[in-house]
Amino acid sequence: MKRALPLLAFLLSACASGPPELPYPAFVQVDELPDVFMAALPGIRAKQLAGDLQTRRTSNRVNLPPDWSGTTGGVPGRSMEIFVLAGTVTLADIDFAAGGYAYLPAGSLGFNMTTREGAQILYFVNDMDPEAIIRSPILIDSGLLEWQATDVPGVMTKELRRDPGTGARTWLMRIAADTSQPWQSSSVVREGYLVSGEYRHTECALGEEVTGQYRTGGYFYRPASVVNGGPESGSPVDAVWFLREVSAGTEMSASSCVAGTSPAS
């Protein structure tokens, strides 16, 4: 399992609002993180969500100013993902409004990237994985995809990417208003950003329930096997999450915060 970076602790210490204390990043409001410069995107400041100084893996939210022009940047030997949160971005002569998604595999030359009126994007650089099978770029307007039902009533998903070799996946999840999620966990690290709405969620940290509130722009980086969800989770409005796992994971169900887990049916 790839380790979380030491920089995360520094970033979280800079949050002004004082989210509930946990041994990992959760209930983070990205607006409250400090700005950092993006070497891959000249002249751009970003909010760094996670990363690893040794491998140069990084997760960021980036604001592109009006009339910005450049490239998708990237790191040699690393794959990249971009998700448009607001505004319009032109990639490879294709206009992507909010909901646009691009995956550039390792070895890709990248694309020209421009915006006329400015845009906000999520920008990820992933560790190289020799087992990855997807070798061609993926460009998707997620608005054209149908929501797919899950085993949990009120929870639906749109899959943006799933690599058959590594099991890495990226997807959107919509949770209907007044829907609670069951106690659950994933066998791998899961990263999430709240695209729209608000959401209350519970993390089971060291056997204790810690409940906090996410607003649009909320973020978490949850270690493998951490139980979360439970009857206190929910929202009076619909919530849409952008979620990632960088390796194959198994979803597990649990009867309570402290109970052992078993594969979800």
Foldseek 3Di string as FASTA:
>chain_A
DDDWAPVQVVQVVQADPDFDDAPFDFQDQQVSGDWDDDPQFPPWIWRWNTAYPVQGWTKIKTKFAAFGKDWLGADALWKKKKAWLAAWKAWPNDIAGHQKMKIAHHPGPTTIITGHHITIMMMTIGGHDPQFDDHHMAIDRQVPFDWADDPFPQKTKDWRDATPRFRKTKIKIKGAAPGFDAWKFKQAKKKKAWSADKKWKWWLGPNDTDIDIGHHRTITTDGGPTIMTHPVIGHRGMIMMIMITGGRMFMWGARDRPGDTHGDD
